[in-house]
């Protein structure tokens, strides 16, 4: 089994639910240089998958949005020796807050590769695909110094927030809890949209029918305020649900027209890139890929699962960039002015192994994280890494 593609095998495990009242303890400090990061063994991780064979042909992209033909260039490894980096978001000073899924560490990584530890979320439960996942920096960080985190506890998935006090992460408080948690399909990407509200992706935890249940927070994209309330303008003013019918979304990005795109794991046939509409139903589990019929929204682009298993998503200059786990490649997809996605082209296929997150840095470079130490890849001595790519 592998990441969002795990339930292509019908056997799954669930987190043990308890009634423990949870207070997240955050500890640690930051330094100016990288400290040794010990390997963390995750006994519940499943064995590595064999590397998929290369497809005989792939769709092509004729060039960039301005008619050029420039391919992306990997300009170097920014950081190595990380332990399953998952979430990446940038601070006003150009450095990034990076989460590690299994260790629970929250790191600060500068544009020149210095690593400092901001803290550790000790109560994040790491097993299967669960743990410390997404991170989003407050759009008002310069005044509120707040970061938001998505994590799995022993009772649920939840969004919390904490102030960055100097070079250390302060205590956390709950923003939104009660999101169903599972050994697989926990979603976990969070990002502030152009409207200033927080978007949260959730998985259906291996229980497909939850994705169609409007009263469940599983298998959804949620839209909330910074205080965790349903954001103004939601389809149901009393619900955080923005869209439903998702299997496991782990990528969010907005284009130049503020349109929201999401990358989503399929089951056994098709992974998806979706253009997200308010109140839209994206079909899972009624349909995988296209052909959903009346009342369901088809994806704009689909891939055979062995070519993608998509996680992170970013947008730069007319193109979406989508990281592939099982596919072990970075996809570039053109977005037209009319909001149509087309002409996907793959880069760096099998060069770096499993690719988890792609994020656009303030200087215009892409930060591309590997996910080879999650029990499902074949790690190189330098893994896990953050690679800088010139798009």
Protein backbone atom coordinates (compact mmCIF):
# COMPACT_ATOMS: atom_id res chain seq x y z
CA UNK A 1 0.00 0.00 0.00
CA UNK A 2 1.14 3.56 -0.67
CA UNK A 3 -0.04 7.00 0.51
CA UNK A 4 -3.38 8.11 -0.93
CA UNK A 5 -3.35 5.05 -3.15
CA UNK A 6 -3.39 2.74 -0.13
CA UNK A 7 -6.97 1.61 -0.31
CA UNK A 8 -6.39 0.10 -3.68
CA UNK A 9 -6.05 -2.78 -1.23
CA UNK A 10 -9.32 -3.26 0.62
CA UNK A 11 -7.74 -3.97 3.99
CA UNK A 12 -7.32 -0.99 6.26
CA UNK A 13 -6.62 -0.22 9.89
CA UNK A 14 -8.24 2.51 11.93
CA UNK A 15 -6.89 4.70 14.67
CA UNK A 16 -7.98 3.67 18.14
CA UNK A 17 -10.46 6.29 19.30
CA UNK A 18 -10.47 7.36 22.91
CA UNK A 19 -12.03 9.93 25.16
CA UNK A 20 -8.79 11.48 26.34
CA UNK A 21 -9.09 15.27 26.56
CA UNK A 22 -6.15 16.51 24.57
CA UNK A 23 -3.77 19.36 25.31
CA UNK A 24 -1.02 19.67 22.74
CA UNK A 25 2.41 20.13 24.24
CA UNK A 26 4.88 21.93 22.07
CA UNK A 27 8.52 22.09 23.02
CA UNK A 28 11.88 22.93 21.48
CA UNK A 29 13.89 25.85 20.27
CA UNK A 30 15.33 27.15 17.04
CA UNK A 31 18.93 27.62 16.08
CA UNK A 32 20.72 29.31 13.26
CA UNK A 33 22.21 26.10 11.88
CA UNK A 34 20.91 22.65 11.24
CA UNK A 35 21.09 20.20 14.10
CA UNK A 36 21.38 16.46 13.49
CA UNK A 37 17.94 15.01 12.87
CA UNK A 38 17.70 11.42 14.14
CA UNK A 39 15.83 8.86 12.09
CA UNK A 40 12.44 7.96 13.44
CA UNK A 41 11.29 4.40 12.90
CA UNK A 42 7.61 4.04 12.15
CA UNK A 43 6.62 0.41 12.80
CA UNK A 44 3.18 0.80 11.25
CA UNK A 45 4.53 1.92 7.89
CA UNK A 46 4.04 -0.63 5.16
CA UNK A 47 6.78 -2.04 2.92
CA UNK A 48 8.04 -0.12 -0.07
CA UNK A 49 6.31 -0.47 -3.39
CA UNK A 50 8.31 -1.50 -6.44
CA UNK A 51 9.13 1.37 -8.75
CA UNK A 52 6.39 1.55 -11.40
CA UNK A 53 7.45 0.96 -14.96
CA UNK A 54 7.71 4.00 -17.17
CA UNK A 55 4.68 4.48 -19.43
CA UNK A 56 5.37 4.19 -23.14
CA UNK A 57 3.93 7.63 -23.81
CA UNK A 58 2.72 10.67 -21.91
CA UNK A 59 0.72 13.76 -22.87
CA UNK A 60 2.94 16.64 -23.89
CA UNK A 61 3.10 20.33 -23.12
CA UNK A 62 4.07 22.59 -26.02
CA UNK A 63 5.64 25.20 -23.77
CA UNK A 64 5.04 27.86 -21.19
CA UNK A 65 2.06 30.20 -21.02
CA UNK A 66 3.85 32.78 -23.15
CA UNK A 67 4.61 30.35 -25.96
CA UNK A 68 8.15 29.50 -24.89
CA UNK A 69 9.62 26.06 -24.51
CA UNK A 70 11.63 26.25 -21.29
CA UNK A 71 11.81 23.14 -19.14
CA UNK A 72 12.17 23.34 -15.34
CA UNK A 73 15.66 23.02 -13.91
CA UNK A 74 16.67 21.50 -10.59
CA UNK A 75 19.14 24.06 -9.28
CA UNK A 76 20.26 22.10 -6.22
CA UNK A 77 19.42 20.43 -2.93
CA UNK A 78 18.53 23.00 -0.30
CA UNK A 79 18.33 20.65 2.71
CA UNK A 80 18.95 16.97 3.25
CA UNK A 81 18.56 14.55 6.15
CA UNK A 82 14.94 15.39 6.92
CA UNK A 83 12.36 12.91 8.23
CA UNK A 84 9.31 12.84 5.94
CA UNK A 85 8.73 16.58 5.39
CA UNK A 86 5.02 17.13 4.71
CA UNK A 87 3.83 20.74 5.02
CA UNK A 88 5.66 23.82 3.71
CA UNK A 89 4.61 27.46 3.96
CA UNK A 90 6.59 30.66 3.89
CA UNK A 91 7.11 33.43 6.42
CA UNK A 92 7.41 37.10 5.42
CA UNK A 93 11.22 36.92 5.75
CA UNK A 94 11.39 34.29 2.98
CA UNK A 95 12.13 31.33 5.23
CA UNK A 96 9.68 28.45 5.53
CA UNK A 97 7.87 26.58 8.26
CA UNK A 98 8.17 22.86 7.50
CA UNK A 99 6.45 19.99 9.28
CA UNK A 100 7.68 16.39 9.56
CA UNK A 101 4.88 13.84 9.57
CA UNK A 102 6.42 11.09 11.68
CA UNK A 103 8.72 12.99 14.07
CA UNK A 104 6.20 15.74 14.83
CA UNK A 105 8.90 18.37 14.44
CA UNK A 106 8.16 21.88 13.23
CA UNK A 107 11.19 23.35 11.49
CA UNK A 108 12.27 26.72 10.18
CA UNK A 109 14.30 26.48 6.97
CA UNK A 110 15.89 29.55 5.42
CA UNK A 111 16.37 30.28 1.73
CA UNK A 112 20.07 29.40 2.09
CA UNK A 113 19.35 26.03 3.73
CA UNK A 114 19.81 26.69 7.45
CA UNK A 115 17.56 24.54 9.63
CA UNK A 116 16.23 25.42 13.06
CA UNK A 117 13.73 23.55 15.20
CA UNK A 118 10.77 25.64 16.28
CA UNK A 119 9.16 22.90 18.34
CA UNK A 120 7.75 19.39 18.47
CA UNK A 121 4.07 18.48 18.58
CA UNK A 122 4.45 15.55 20.95
CA UNK A 123 0.86 14.38 20.80
CA UNK A 124 0.55 14.06 17.02
CA UNK A 125 -0.13 10.37 16.32
CA UNK A 126 2.01 9.09 13.44
CA UNK A 127 0.89 5.85 11.87
CA UNK A 128 -0.05 4.89 8.34
CA UNK A 129 -0.67 8.22 6.63
CA UNK A 130 -1.49 10.07 9.83
CA UNK A 131 0.64 12.41 11.91
CA UNK A 132 1.72 16.03 11.71
CA UNK A 133 0.63 17.11 8.23
CA UNK A 134 -0.11 20.54 6.75
CA UNK A 135 0.97 24.01 7.82
CA UNK A 136 -0.34 27.45 6.89
CA UNK A 137 1.15 30.78 7.90
CA UNK A 138 -1.40 33.41 8.89
CA UNK A 139 -1.88 36.08 6.21
CA UNK A 140 -1.54 38.56 9.11
CA UNK A 141 1.64 36.96 10.43
CA UNK A 142 3.53 40.23 10.75
CA UNK A 143 1.04 41.32 13.40
CA UNK A 144 -0.29 38.04 14.89
CA UNK A 145 2.79 35.77 14.38
CA UNK A 146 0.45 32.77 14.09
CA UNK A 147 0.87 29.50 12.23
CA UNK A 148 -1.80 26.85 11.72
CA UNK A 149 -1.16 23.10 11.77
CA UNK A 150 -3.18 20.05 10.73
CA UNK A 151 -2.51 16.91 12.75
CA UNK A 152 -3.85 13.56 13.80
CA UNK A 153 -4.43 12.90 17.48
CA UNK A 154 -5.56 9.65 19.10
CA UNK A 155 -9.18 10.78 18.68
CA UNK A 156 -9.44 12.81 15.48
CA UNK A 157 -7.83 15.03 12.88
CA UNK A 158 -7.79 18.69 13.79
CA UNK A 159 -6.51 22.15 12.97
CA UNK A 160 -4.65 24.01 15.69
CA UNK A 161 -2.81 27.30 15.83
CA UNK A 162 0.20 28.61 17.73
CA UNK A 163 2.17 31.83 17.95
CA UNK A 164 5.78 31.92 16.93
CA UNK A 165 7.41 33.47 19.99
CA UNK A 166 10.90 34.48 19.04
CA UNK A 167 12.37 31.34 17.54
CA UNK A 168 10.07 28.89 19.33
CA UNK A 169 6.53 27.75 18.73
CA UNK A 170 4.24 28.60 21.60
CA UNK A 171 1.40 26.54 23.03
CA UNK A 172 -1.37 25.52 20.68
CA UNK A 173 -5.11 26.04 20.73
CA UNK A 174 -7.77 24.14 18.80
CA UNK A 175 -9.26 25.84 15.75
CA UNK A 176 -11.35 22.94 14.39
CA UNK A 177 -11.55 19.41 15.74
CA UNK A 178 -13.74 16.37 15.20
CA UNK A 179 -12.47 15.64 11.68
CA UNK A 180 -12.60 11.81 11.28
CA UNK A 181 -9.17 10.19 11.41
CA UNK A 182 -7.93 6.93 9.96
CA UNK A 183 -4.84 4.89 9.29
CA UNK A 184 -5.22 6.05 5.68
CA UNK A 185 -6.80 8.96 3.78
CA UNK A 186 -6.42 11.77 6.30
CA UNK A 187 -6.15 14.63 3.82
CA UNK A 188 -4.13 17.25 5.66
CA UNK A 189 -3.33 20.12 3.32
CA UNK A 190 -4.27 23.55 4.66
CA UNK A 191 -3.86 26.92 2.97
CA UNK A 192 -5.22 30.44 3.21
CA UNK A 193 -7.04 31.50 0.08
CA UNK A 194 -7.09 34.92 -1.60
CA UNK A 195 -10.28 35.60 0.37
CA UNK A 196 -8.36 35.35 3.65
CA UNK A 197 -10.14 32.19 4.79
CA UNK A 198 -8.51 28.86 5.64
CA UNK A 199 -9.13 25.91 3.32
CA UNK A 200 -8.69 22.43 4.81
CA UNK A 201 -8.59 19.13 2.92
CA UNK A 202 -9.83 15.94 4.56
CA UNK A 203 -9.87 12.30 3.48
CA UNK A 204 -12.63 9.74 3.87
CA UNK A 205 -10.42 7.58 6.15
CA UNK A 206 -11.06 4.50 4.03
CA UNK A 207 -14.83 4.75 4.57
CA UNK A 208 -15.94 5.94 1.10
CA UNK A 209 -19.54 6.77 1.98
CA UNK A 210 -18.39 9.52 4.35
CA UNK A 211 -17.37 11.55 1.29
CA UNK A 212 -21.05 11.90 0.28
CA UNK A 213 -22.36 12.54 3.80
CA UNK A 214 -22.91 16.30 4.13
CA UNK A 215 -22.90 16.00 7.93
CA UNK A 216 -19.44 14.41 8.02
CA UNK A 217 -16.22 16.44 7.76
CA UNK A 218 -14.48 13.51 6.03
CA UNK A 219 -13.86 13.48 2.27
CA UNK A 220 -14.33 17.23 1.96
CA UNK A 221 -12.67 20.55 1.33
CA UNK A 222 -13.56 22.79 4.26
CA UNK A 223 -13.54 26.60 4.36
CA UNK A 224 -13.29 28.25 7.77
CA UNK A 225 -12.32 31.48 9.45
CA UNK A 226 -9.10 31.77 11.43
CA UNK A 227 -11.22 31.06 14.53
CA UNK A 228 -12.60 27.82 13.08
CA UNK A 229 -16.11 29.00 12.26
CA UNK A 230 -17.79 28.32 8.90
CA UNK A 231 -16.57 31.09 6.61
CA UNK A 232 -19.07 33.65 5.33
CA UNK A 233 -20.44 32.61 1.94
CA UNK A 234 -20.21 28.85 2.50
CA UNK A 235 -22.91 26.77 0.76
CA UNK A 236 -24.47 26.06 4.17
CA UNK A 237 -23.82 29.01 6.49
CA UNK A 238 -23.73 26.64 9.48
CA UNK A 239 -21.25 24.18 7.95
CA UNK A 240 -17.53 24.42 7.13
CA UNK A 241 -18.03 22.22 4.03
CA UNK A 242 -17.05 23.94 0.77
CA UNK A 243 -17.05 20.87 -1.54
CA UNK A 244 -17.68 17.15 -1.08
CA UNK A 245 -17.27 13.80 -2.78
CA UNK A 246 -13.49 13.67 -2.33
CA UNK A 247 -11.46 10.55 -1.66
CA UNK A 248 -8.23 12.12 -0.39
CA UNK A 249 -7.18 15.63 -1.40
CA UNK A 250 -3.60 16.60 -0.53
CA UNK A 251 -2.93 19.51 -2.88
CA UNK A 252 -4.42 23.01 -3.08
CA UNK A 253 -3.42 25.96 -5.27
CA UNK A 254 -5.00 29.15 -6.61
CA UNK A 255 -4.26 30.50 -10.08
CA UNK A 256 -3.97 34.12 -11.20
CA UNK A 257 -7.76 34.42 -11.40
CA UNK A 258 -8.16 33.13 -7.81
CA UNK A 259 -9.61 29.83 -9.03
CA UNK A 260 -9.03 26.95 -6.62
CA UNK A 261 -7.44 23.72 -7.89
CA UNK A 262 -7.04 20.46 -5.98
CA UNK A 263 -5.10 17.26 -6.62
CA UNK A 264 -6.78 14.05 -5.50
CA UNK A 265 -5.82 10.41 -5.11
CA UNK A 266 -7.87 7.93 -7.07
CA UNK A 267 -8.40 4.32 -6.06
CA UNK A 268 -7.33 1.82 -8.71
CA UNK A 269 -7.61 3.64 -12.03
CA UNK A 270 -7.50 7.44 -12.11
CA UNK A 271 -5.88 10.21 -10.09
CA UNK A 272 -7.43 13.63 -10.57
CA UNK A 273 -6.86 17.35 -10.92
CA UNK A 274 -10.07 19.21 -10.06
CA UNK A 275 -11.21 22.80 -10.43
CA UNK A 276 -13.11 23.39 -7.20
CA UNK A 277 -16.51 25.06 -7.25
CA UNK A 278 -18.51 26.26 -4.29
CA UNK A 279 -20.77 23.42 -3.17
CA UNK A 280 -19.44 21.09 -5.87
CA UNK A 281 -19.77 17.30 -5.62
CA UNK A 282 -16.73 15.54 -7.09
CA UNK A 283 -18.26 12.11 -7.19
CA UNK A 284 -16.37 9.76 -4.90
CA UNK A 285 -17.28 6.93 -4.37
CA UNK A 286 -19.94 6.99 -7.10
CA UNK A 287 -17.31 7.55 -9.76
CA UNK A 288 -13.53 7.55 -10.13
CA UNK A 289 -12.23 9.83 -12.86
CA UNK A 290 -14.61 11.21 -15.48
CA UNK A 291 -18.14 10.22 -16.39
CA UNK A 292 -19.89 11.07 -13.16
CA UNK A 293 -23.10 12.27 -14.69
CA UNK A 294 -25.67 14.80 -13.57
CA UNK A 295 -24.91 16.64 -10.34
CA UNK A 296 -21.27 15.54 -10.25
CA UNK A 297 -18.23 17.51 -11.44
CA UNK A 298 -15.67 15.75 -13.63
CA UNK A 299 -11.94 16.32 -13.10
CA UNK A 300 -10.12 18.50 -15.61
CA UNK A 301 -7.19 16.09 -15.97
CA UNK A 302 -6.80 12.44 -14.96
CA UNK A 303 -3.75 10.17 -14.75
CA UNK A 304 -3.32 6.41 -14.43
CA UNK A 305 -2.52 5.85 -10.77
CA UNK A 306 0.96 4.50 -11.47
CA UNK A 307 1.92 7.85 -13.03
CA UNK A 308 0.84 10.12 -10.21
CA UNK A 309 -0.60 9.46 -6.73
CA UNK A 310 -0.57 13.24 -6.37
CA UNK A 311 0.07 15.17 -3.20
CA UNK A 312 1.32 18.76 -3.27
CA UNK A 313 0.20 21.38 -5.80
CA UNK A 314 1.56 24.83 -6.67
CA UNK A 315 0.90 27.47 -9.31
CA UNK A 316 3.42 29.64 -11.17
CA UNK A 317 3.04 31.72 -14.35
CA UNK A 318 0.22 29.91 -16.10
CA UNK A 319 1.03 26.40 -14.92
CA UNK A 320 0.14 24.12 -12.07
CA UNK A 321 2.92 21.93 -10.66
CA UNK A 322 1.86 18.63 -9.07
CA UNK A 323 4.11 16.31 -7.05
CA UNK A 324 3.71 12.56 -7.55
CA UNK A 325 4.38 9.91 -4.92
CA UNK A 326 3.97 6.56 -6.62
CA UNK A 327 4.59 8.30 -9.94
CA UNK A 328 7.92 9.70 -8.67
CA UNK A 329 7.71 12.74 -10.94
CA UNK A 330 6.75 16.39 -11.05
CA UNK A 331 3.88 17.24 -13.39
CA UNK A 332 3.46 20.58 -15.14
CA UNK A 333 -0.08 21.38 -16.32
CA UNK A 334 -1.05 24.41 -18.38
CA UNK A 335 -3.97 26.54 -17.16
CA UNK A 336 -5.71 28.70 -19.76
CA UNK A 337 -7.18 32.13 -19.14
CA UNK A 338 -10.60 30.49 -19.32
CA UNK A 339 -9.71 28.11 -16.47
CA UNK A 340 -9.06 24.94 -18.45
CA UNK A 341 -6.22 22.61 -17.50
CA UNK A 342 -4.42 20.70 -20.25
CA UNK A 343 -1.14 19.45 -21.65
CA UNK A 344 0.39 17.74 -18.61
CA UNK A 345 4.07 16.96 -18.91
CA UNK A 346 6.25 15.01 -16.46
CA UNK A 347 9.70 15.99 -15.24
CA UNK A 348 12.39 14.41 -13.00
CA UNK A 349 10.77 10.98 -13.37
CA UNK A 350 12.38 8.64 -10.80
CA UNK A 351 15.26 11.10 -10.29
CA UNK A 352 14.43 11.76 -6.62
CA UNK A 353 11.96 9.02 -5.70
CA UNK A 354 8.62 9.86 -4.13
CA UNK A 355 7.69 13.56 -4.29
CA UNK A 356 5.35 14.87 -1.60
CA UNK A 357 5.05 18.64 -1.61
CA UNK A 358 5.72 21.40 -4.11
CA UNK A 359 5.52 24.99 -2.91
CA UNK A 360 6.27 28.33 -4.55
CA UNK A 361 8.92 30.28 -2.63
CA UNK A 362 8.89 34.09 -2.48
CA UNK A 363 11.85 34.21 -4.90
CA UNK A 364 9.87 32.29 -7.53
CA UNK A 365 11.66 28.96 -7.13
CA UNK A 366 9.76 25.79 -6.34
CA UNK A 367 10.60 23.83 -3.20
CA UNK A 368 10.10 20.14 -3.91
CA UNK A 369 10.16 17.70 -0.99
CA UNK A 370 10.86 13.98 -1.16
CA UNK A 371 8.99 11.38 0.89
CA UNK A 372 11.30 8.37 0.73
CA UNK A 373 11.61 7.70 4.47
CA UNK A 374 7.91 7.12 5.05
CA UNK A 375 8.26 3.33 4.75
CA UNK A 376 7.06 3.29 1.17
CA UNK A 377 10.08 4.40 -0.79
CA UNK A 378 13.71 3.51 -1.29
CA UNK A 379 15.63 6.26 0.51
CA UNK A 380 18.96 7.53 -0.69
CA UNK A 381 21.57 8.44 1.95
CA UNK A 382 20.64 12.13 1.66
CA UNK A 383 16.88 11.63 2.04
CA UNK A 384 14.61 13.17 2.77
CA UNK A 385 15.45 16.32 0.84
CA UNK A 386 14.13 19.66 -0.30
CA UNK A 387 15.14 20.34 -3.91
CA UNK A 388 14.96 23.79 -5.44
CA UNK A 389 13.54 23.93 -8.96
CA UNK A 390 13.51 26.86 -11.38
CA UNK A 391 10.12 26.56 -13.14
